[in-house]
């Protein structure tokens, strides 16, 4: 199923952890593309604050990137090497 983004410019700003900010995401969204924030490395409270701050800066759509990885298995031998 093909869907379209409600943006004027077909561009998605990369959601880079530690680099993308609410200000950057809102500026991109306000310019007509899709701004993004990365919250995968953030605590729940920090993520909530980032989303709320982005919402306060734009009424346009923006992307929230969440990373969900499985907890790696501990391998003592591999880690010792």
PDB file of N, CA and C in Angstrom:
ATOM      1  N   UNK A   1       0.842  -1.180   0.000  1.00  0.00           N
ATOM      2  CA  UNK A   1       0.000   0.000   0.000  1.00  0.00           C
ATOM      3  C   UNK A   1       0.884   1.239   0.000  1.00  0.00           C
ATOM      4  N   UNK A   2       0.670   2.114  -0.923  1.00  0.00           N
ATOM      5  CA  UNK A   2       1.426   3.354  -1.041  1.00  0.00           C
ATOM      6  C   UNK A   2       0.701   4.456  -0.268  1.00  0.00           C
ATOM      7  N   UNK A   3       1.447   5.161   0.554  1.00  0.00           N
ATOM      8  CA  UNK A   3       0.883   6.308   1.249  1.00  0.00           C
ATOM      9  C   UNK A   3       1.744   7.515   0.930  1.00  0.00           C
ATOM     10  N   UNK A   4       1.214   8.673   1.120  1.00  0.00           N
ATOM     11  CA  UNK A   4       1.978   9.888   0.889  1.00  0.00           C
ATOM     12  C   UNK A   4       2.089  10.668   2.193  1.00  0.00           C
ATOM     13  N   UNK A   5       3.193  11.370   2.317  1.00  0.00           N
ATOM     14  CA  UNK A   5       3.398  12.207   3.482  1.00  0.00           C
ATOM     15  C   UNK A   5       2.745  13.563   3.238  1.00  0.00           C
ATOM     16  N   UNK A   6       2.181  14.153   4.258  1.00  0.00           N
ATOM     17  CA  UNK A   6       1.545  15.453   4.095  1.00  0.00           C
ATOM     18  C   UNK A   6       2.587  16.575   4.152  1.00  0.00           C
ATOM     19  N   UNK A   7       3.552  16.520   3.217  1.00  0.00           N
ATOM     20  CA  UNK A   7       4.589  17.549   3.169  1.00  0.00           C
ATOM     21  C   UNK A   7       4.656  18.116   1.752  1.00  0.00           C
ATOM     22  N   UNK A   8       5.142  19.329   1.645  1.00  0.00           N
ATOM     23  CA  UNK A   8       5.244  20.013   0.356  1.00  0.00           C
ATOM     24  C   UNK A   8       6.513  19.596  -0.375  1.00  0.00           C
ATOM     25  N   UNK A   9       7.599  19.389   0.345  1.00  0.00           N
ATOM     26  CA  UNK A   9       8.888  19.018  -0.237  1.00  0.00           C
ATOM     27  C   UNK A   9       9.156  17.551   0.108  1.00  0.00           C
ATOM     28  N   UNK A  10       9.400  16.694  -0.878  1.00  0.00           N
ATOM     29  CA  UNK A  10       9.596  15.263  -0.602  1.00  0.00           C
ATOM     30  C   UNK A  10      10.986  14.968  -0.037  1.00  0.00           C
ATOM     31  N   UNK A  11      11.210  15.415   1.182  1.00  0.00           N
ATOM     32  CA  UNK A  11      12.507  15.270   1.835  1.00  0.00           C
ATOM     33  C   UNK A  11      12.283  14.921   3.298  1.00  0.00           C
ATOM     34  N   UNK A  12      13.044  13.958   3.798  1.00  0.00           N
ATOM     35  CA  UNK A  12      12.978  13.595   5.222  1.00  0.00           C
ATOM     36  C   UNK A  12      14.326  13.896   5.840  1.00  0.00           C
ATOM     37  N   UNK A  13      14.337  14.734   6.846  1.00  0.00           N
ATOM     38  CA  UNK A  13      15.561  15.051   7.580  1.00  0.00           C
ATOM     39  C   UNK A  13      15.940  13.843   8.429  1.00  0.00           C
ATOM     40  N   UNK A  14      17.191  13.428   8.355  1.00  0.00           N
ATOM     41  CA  UNK A  14      17.638  12.237   9.083  1.00  0.00           C
ATOM     42  C   UNK A  14      17.504  12.442  10.590  1.00  0.00           C
ATOM     43  N   UNK A  15      16.936  11.453  11.295  1.00  0.00           N
ATOM     44  CA  UNK A  15      16.817  11.525  12.749  1.00  0.00           C
ATOM     45  C   UNK A  15      18.095  10.996  13.402  1.00  0.00           C
ATOM     46  N   UNK A  16      19.077  11.869  13.598  1.00  0.00           N
ATOM     47  CA  UNK A  16      20.398  11.468  14.102  1.00  0.00           C
ATOM     48  C   UNK A  16      20.465  11.659  15.617  1.00  0.00           C
ATOM     49  N   UNK A  17      20.620  10.562  16.342  1.00  0.00           N
ATOM     50  CA  UNK A  17      20.693  10.635  17.807  1.00  0.00           C
ATOM     51  C   UNK A  17      21.862  11.523  18.216  1.00  0.00           C
ATOM     52  N   UNK A  18      21.599  12.434  19.135  1.00  0.00           N
ATOM     53  CA  UNK A  18      22.631  13.324  19.635  1.00  0.00           C
ATOM     54  C   UNK A  18      22.850  14.557  18.774  1.00  0.00           C
ATOM     55  N   UNK A  19      22.251  14.587  17.592  1.00  0.00           N
ATOM     56  CA  UNK A  19      22.448  15.713  16.674  1.00  0.00           C
ATOM     57  C   UNK A  19      21.123  16.387  16.340  1.00  0.00           C
ATOM     58  N   UNK A  20      20.100  15.582  16.040  1.00  0.00           N
ATOM     59  CA  UNK A  20      18.812  16.182  15.688  1.00  0.00           C
ATOM     60  C   UNK A  20      18.170  16.759  16.942  1.00  0.00           C
ATOM     61  N   UNK A  21      17.636  17.946  16.801  1.00  0.00           N
ATOM     62  CA  UNK A  21      17.021  18.650  17.929  1.00  0.00           C
ATOM     63  C   UNK A  21      15.588  19.028  17.573  1.00  0.00           C
ATOM     64  N   UNK A  22      14.779  19.352  18.562  1.00  0.00           N
ATOM     65  CA  UNK A  22      13.436  19.843  18.264  1.00  0.00           C
ATOM     66  C   UNK A  22      13.467  21.083  17.366  1.00  0.00           C
ATOM     67  N   UNK A  23      14.438  21.950  17.585  1.00  0.00           N
ATOM     68  CA  UNK A  23      14.538  23.165  16.774  1.00  0.00           C
ATOM     69  C   UNK A  23      14.809  22.832  15.307  1.00  0.00           C
ATOM     70  N   UNK A  24      15.734  21.882  15.063  1.00  0.00           N
ATOM     71  CA  UNK A  24      16.047  21.473  13.697  1.00  0.00           C
ATOM     72  C   UNK A  24      14.836  20.810  13.049  1.00  0.00           C
ATOM     73  N   UNK A  25      14.216  19.875  13.756  1.00  0.00           N
ATOM     74  CA  UNK A  25      13.051  19.175  13.207  1.00  0.00           C
ATOM     75  C   UNK A  25      11.933  20.157  12.873  1.00  0.00           C
ATOM     76  N   UNK A  26      11.666  21.093  13.765  1.00  0.00           N
ATOM     77  CA  UNK A  26      10.600  22.068  13.527  1.00  0.00           C
ATOM     78  C   UNK A  26      10.943  22.980  12.357  1.00  0.00           C
ATOM     79  N   UNK A  27      12.194  23.384  12.239  1.00  0.00           N
ATOM     80  CA  UNK A  27      12.598  24.242  11.122  1.00  0.00           C
ATOM     81  C   UNK A  27      12.403  23.521   9.791  1.00  0.00           C
ATOM     82  N   UNK A  28      12.789  22.253   9.740  1.00  0.00           N
ATOM     83  CA  UNK A  28      12.626  21.458   8.513  1.00  0.00           C
ATOM     84  C   UNK A  28      11.140  21.304   8.197  1.00  0.00           C
ATOM     85  N   UNK A  29      10.343  20.946   9.202  1.00  0.00           N
ATOM     86  CA  UNK A  29       8.907  20.782   8.979  1.00  0.00           C
ATOM     87  C   UNK A  29       8.256  22.102   8.552  1.00  0.00           C
ATOM     88  N   UNK A  30       8.636  23.181   9.203  1.00  0.00           N
ATOM     89  CA  UNK A  30       8.077  24.489   8.855  1.00  0.00           C
ATOM     90  C   UNK A  30       8.467  24.920   7.445  1.00  0.00           C
ATOM     91  N   UNK A  31       9.607  24.420   6.941  1.00  0.00           N
ATOM     92  CA  UNK A  31      10.060  24.741   5.587  1.00  0.00           C
ATOM     93  C   UNK A  31       9.345  23.889   4.535  1.00  0.00           C
ATOM     94  N   UNK A  32       8.603  22.864   4.952  1.00  0.00           N
ATOM     95  CA  UNK A  32       7.816  22.084   4.019  1.00  0.00           C
ATOM     96  C   UNK A  32       8.245  20.645   3.846  1.00  0.00           C
ATOM     97  N   UNK A  33       9.341  20.222   4.482  1.00  0.00           N
ATOM     98  CA  UNK A  33       9.780  18.828   4.420  1.00  0.00           C
ATOM     99  C   UNK A  33       9.358  18.140   5.718  1.00  0.00           C
ATOM    100  N   UNK A  34       9.886  16.937   5.966  1.00  0.00           N
ATOM    101  CA  UNK A  34       9.538  16.213   7.195  1.00  0.00           C
ATOM    102  C   UNK A  34      10.732  16.244   8.148  1.00  0.00           C
ATOM    103  N   UNK A  35      10.612  17.006   9.221  1.00  0.00           N
ATOM    104  CA  UNK A  35      11.643  17.056  10.248  1.00  0.00           C
ATOM    105  C   UNK A  35      11.592  15.818  11.112  1.00  0.00           C
ATOM    106  N   UNK A  36      12.720  15.513  11.768  1.00  0.00           N
ATOM    107  CA  UNK A  36      12.804  14.297  12.580  1.00  0.00           C
ATOM    108  C   UNK A  36      13.583  14.543  13.861  1.00  0.00           C
ATOM    109  N   UNK A  37      13.153  13.863  14.920  1.00  0.00           N
ATOM    110  CA  UNK A  37      13.930  13.800  16.152  1.00  0.00           C
ATOM    111  C   UNK A  37      14.198  12.329  16.464  1.00  0.00           C
ATOM    112  N   UNK A  38      15.351  12.072  17.050  1.00  0.00           N
ATOM    113  CA  UNK A  38      15.732  10.712  17.429  1.00  0.00           C
ATOM    114  C   UNK A  38      15.641  10.594  18.942  1.00  0.00           C
ATOM    115  N   UNK A  39      14.829   9.648  19.423  1.00  0.00           N
ATOM    116  CA  UNK A  39      14.664   9.508  20.868  1.00  0.00           C
ATOM    117  C   UNK A  39      15.087   8.131  21.367  1.00  0.00           C
ATOM    118  N   UNK A  40      15.694   7.331  20.493  1.00  0.00           N
ATOM    119  CA  UNK A  40      16.068   5.966  20.864  1.00  0.00           C
ATOM    120  C   UNK A  40      17.026   5.884  22.037  1.00  0.00           C
ATOM    121  N   UNK A  41      17.891   6.885  22.188  1.00  0.00           N
ATOM    122  CA  UNK A  41      18.863   6.876  23.280  1.00  0.00           C
ATOM    123  C   UNK A  41      18.405   7.726  24.467  1.00  0.00           C
ATOM    124  N   UNK A  42      17.187   8.267  24.381  1.00  0.00           N
ATOM    125  CA  UNK A  42      16.693   9.166  25.419  1.00  0.00           C
ATOM    126  C   UNK A  42      15.864   8.401  26.452  1.00  0.00           C
ATOM    127  N   UNK A  43      15.826   8.965  27.652  1.00  0.00           N
ATOM    128  CA  UNK A  43      14.923   8.419  28.671  1.00  0.00           C
ATOM    129  C   UNK A  43      13.492   8.767  28.273  1.00  0.00           C
ATOM    130  N   UNK A  44      12.533   8.149  28.918  1.00  0.00           N
ATOM    131  CA  UNK A  44      11.129   8.426  28.618  1.00  0.00           C
ATOM    132  C   UNK A  44      10.824   9.897  28.848  1.00  0.00           C
ATOM    133  N   UNK A  45      11.297  10.435  29.940  1.00  0.00           N
ATOM    134  CA  UNK A  45      11.019  11.843  30.244  1.00  0.00           C
ATOM    135  C   UNK A  45      11.676  12.778  29.231  1.00  0.00           C
ATOM    136  N   UNK A  46      12.920  12.486  28.848  1.00  0.00           N
ATOM    137  CA  UNK A  46      13.601  13.311  27.842  1.00  0.00           C
ATOM    138  C   UNK A  46      12.883  13.211  26.501  1.00  0.00           C
ATOM    139  N   UNK A  47      12.461  12.006  26.127  1.00  0.00           N
ATOM    140  CA  UNK A  47      11.723  11.819  24.879  1.00  0.00           C
ATOM    141  C   UNK A  47      10.437  12.632  24.893  1.00  0.00           C
ATOM    142  N   UNK A  48       9.700  12.572  25.988  1.00  0.00           N
ATOM    143  CA  UNK A  48       8.453  13.326  26.117  1.00  0.00           C
ATOM    144  C   UNK A  48       8.724  14.828  25.967  1.00  0.00           C
ATOM    145  N   UNK A  49       9.764  15.304  26.624  1.00  0.00           N
ATOM    146  CA  UNK A  49      10.126  16.724  26.549  1.00  0.00           C
ATOM    147  C   UNK A  49      10.486  17.121  25.124  1.00  0.00           C
ATOM    148  N   UNK A  50      11.254  16.269  24.424  1.00  0.00           N
ATOM    149  CA  UNK A  50      11.643  16.570  23.041  1.00  0.00           C
ATOM    150  C   UNK A  50      10.418  16.634  22.125  1.00  0.00           C
ATOM    151  N   UNK A  51       9.503  15.701  22.295  1.00  0.00           N
ATOM    152  CA  UNK A  51       8.293  15.690  21.464  1.00  0.00           C
ATOM    153  C   UNK A  51       7.442  16.927  21.758  1.00  0.00           C
ATOM    154  N   UNK A  52       7.239  17.223  23.022  1.00  0.00           N
ATOM    155  CA  UNK A  52       6.439  18.390  23.384  1.00  0.00           C
ATOM    156  C   UNK A  52       7.083  19.680  22.888  1.00  0.00           C
ATOM    157  N   UNK A  53       8.409  19.772  22.987  1.00  0.00           N
ATOM    158  CA  UNK A  53       9.110  20.969  22.531  1.00  0.00           C
ATOM    159  C   UNK A  53       8.958  21.115  21.016  1.00  0.00           C
ATOM    160  N   UNK A  54       9.104  20.011  20.288  1.00  0.00           N
ATOM    161  CA  UNK A  54       8.930  20.063  18.832  1.00  0.00           C
ATOM    162  C   UNK A  54       7.517  20.513  18.492  1.00  0.00           C
ATOM    163  N   UNK A  55       6.537  19.957  19.175  1.00  0.00           N
ATOM    164  CA  UNK A  55       5.136  20.349  18.938  1.00  0.00           C
ATOM    165  C   UNK A  55       4.900  21.830  19.208  1.00  0.00           C
ATOM    166  N   UNK A  56       5.616  22.383  20.176  1.00  0.00           N
ATOM    167  CA  UNK A  56       5.446  23.801  20.493  1.00  0.00           C
ATOM    168  C   UNK A  56       6.051  24.714  19.424  1.00  0.00           C
ATOM    169  N   UNK A  57       6.943  24.154  18.586  1.00  0.00           N
ATOM    170  CA  UNK A  57       7.634  24.949  17.570  1.00  0.00           C
ATOM    171  C   UNK A  57       7.029  24.818  16.176  1.00  0.00           C
ATOM    172  N   UNK A  58       6.162  23.822  15.968  1.00  0.00           N
ATOM    173  CA  UNK A  58       5.548  23.628  14.649  1.00  0.00           C
ATOM    174  C   UNK A  58       4.174  23.001  14.784  1.00  0.00           C
ATOM    175  N   UNK A  59       3.322  23.336  13.834  1.00  0.00           N
ATOM    176  CA  UNK A  59       2.028  22.655  13.743  1.00  0.00           C
ATOM    177  C   UNK A  59       2.035  21.692  12.559  1.00  0.00           C
ATOM    178  N   UNK A  60       3.216  21.482  11.975  1.00  0.00           N
ATOM    179  CA  UNK A  60       3.383  20.580  10.833  1.00  0.00           C
ATOM    180  C   UNK A  60       3.748  19.177  11.334  1.00  0.00           C
ATOM    181  N   UNK A  61       3.598  18.165  10.470  1.00  0.00           N
ATOM    182  CA  UNK A  61       4.003  16.805  10.857  1.00  0.00           C
ATOM    183  C   UNK A  61       5.515  16.717  11.057  1.00  0.00           C
ATOM    184  N   UNK A  62       5.930  15.836  11.966  1.00  0.00           N
ATOM    185  CA  UNK A  62       7.350  15.532  12.147  1.00  0.00           C
ATOM    186  C   UNK A  62       7.483  14.076  12.537  1.00  0.00           C
ATOM    187  N   UNK A  63       8.664  13.543  12.308  1.00  0.00           N
ATOM    188  CA  UNK A  63       8.964  12.135  12.549  1.00  0.00           C
ATOM    189  C   UNK A  63       9.629  11.968  13.914  1.00  0.00           C
ATOM    190  N   UNK A  64       9.250  10.933  14.626  1.00  0.00           N
ATOM    191  CA  UNK A  64       9.911  10.559  15.879  1.00  0.00           C
ATOM    192  C   UNK A  64      10.503   9.165  15.674  1.00  0.00           C
ATOM    193  N   UNK A  65      11.820   9.067  15.704  1.00  0.00           N
ATOM    194  CA  UNK A  65      12.519   7.818  15.437  1.00  0.00           C
ATOM    195  C   UNK A  65      12.860   7.128  16.759  1.00  0.00           C
ATOM    196  N   UNK A  66      12.360   5.910  16.920  1.00  0.00           N
ATOM    197  CA  UNK A  66      12.604   5.125  18.132  1.00  0.00           C
ATOM    198  C   UNK A  66      13.324   3.840  17.725  1.00  0.00           C
ATOM    199  N   UNK A  67      14.412   3.536  18.372  1.00  0.00           N
ATOM    200  CA  UNK A  67      15.134   2.290  18.121  1.00  0.00           C
ATOM    201  C   UNK A  67      14.699   1.261  19.156  1.00  0.00           C
ATOM    202  N   UNK A  68      14.394   0.086  18.704  1.00  0.00           N
ATOM    203  CA  UNK A  68      13.993  -0.999  19.598  1.00  0.00           C
ATOM    204  C   UNK A  68      14.828  -2.230  19.264  1.00  0.00           C
ATOM    205  N   UNK A  69      15.891  -2.427  20.000  1.00  0.00           N
ATOM    206  CA  UNK A  69      16.774  -3.561  19.755  1.00  0.00           C
ATOM    207  C   UNK A  69      16.590  -4.612  20.844  1.00  0.00           C
ATOM    208  N   UNK A  70      16.830  -5.851  20.476  1.00  0.00           N
ATOM    209  CA  UNK A  70      16.843  -6.903  21.485  1.00  0.00           C
ATOM    210  C   UNK A  70      18.081  -6.739  22.356  1.00  0.00           C
ATOM    211  N   UNK A  71      17.958  -7.093  23.620  1.00  0.00           N
ATOM    212  CA  UNK A  71      19.109  -7.066  24.508  1.00  0.00           C
ATOM    213  C   UNK A  71      20.085  -8.135  24.039  1.00  0.00           C
ATOM    214  N   UNK A  72      21.353  -7.755  23.794  1.00  0.00           N
ATOM    215  CA  UNK A  72      22.304  -8.748  23.288  1.00  0.00           C
ATOM    216  C   UNK A  72      22.608  -9.819  24.335  1.00  0.00           C
ATOM    217  N   UNK A  73      22.864 -11.019  23.836  1.00  0.00           N
ATOM    218  CA  UNK A  73      23.245 -12.129  24.730  1.00  0.00           C
ATOM    219  C   UNK A  73      24.685 -11.911  25.185  1.00  0.00           C
ATOM    220  N   UNK A  74      24.934 -12.177  26.431  1.00  0.00           N
ATOM    221  CA  UNK A  74      26.289 -12.041  26.972  1.00  0.00           C
ATOM    222  C   UNK A  74      27.115 -13.239  26.520  1.00  0.00           C
ATOM    223  N   UNK A  75      28.279 -12.954  25.942  1.00  0.00           N
ATOM    224  CA  UNK A  75      29.212 -13.984  25.490  1.00  0.00           C
ATOM    225  C   UNK A  75      30.578 -13.622  26.075  1.00  0.00           C
ATOM    226  N   UNK A  76      30.892 -14.169  27.234  1.00  0.00           N
ATOM    227  CA  UNK A  76      32.110 -13.826  27.973  1.00  0.00           C
ATOM    228  C   UNK A  76      33.356 -14.029  27.115  1.00  0.00           C
ATOM    229  N   UNK A  77      33.450 -15.154  26.400  1.00  0.00           N
ATOM    230  CA  UNK A  77      34.626 -15.422  25.566  1.00  0.00           C
ATOM    231  C   UNK A  77      34.786 -14.363  24.462  1.00  0.00           C
ATOM    232  N   UNK A  78      33.701 -14.057  23.786  1.00  0.00           N
ATOM    233  CA  UNK A  78      33.766 -13.063  22.709  1.00  0.00           C
ATOM    234  C   UNK A  78      34.148 -11.699  23.263  1.00  0.00           C
ATOM    235  N   UNK A  79      33.581 -11.332  24.385  1.00  0.00           N
ATOM    236  CA  UNK A  79      33.883 -10.029  24.967  1.00  0.00           C
ATOM    237  C   UNK A  79      35.312  -9.956  25.493  1.00  0.00           C
ATOM    238  N   UNK A  80      35.856 -11.061  25.952  1.00  0.00           N
ATOM    239  CA  UNK A  80      37.239 -11.080  26.433  1.00  0.00           C
ATOM    240  C   UNK A  80      38.229 -10.865  25.281  1.00  0.00           C
ATOM    241  N   UNK A  81      37.853 -11.393  24.081  1.00  0.00           N
ATOM    242  CA  UNK A  81      38.720 -11.215  22.908  1.00  0.00           C
ATOM    243  C   UNK A  81      38.701  -9.784  22.455  1.00  0.00           C
TER     244      UNK A  81
END
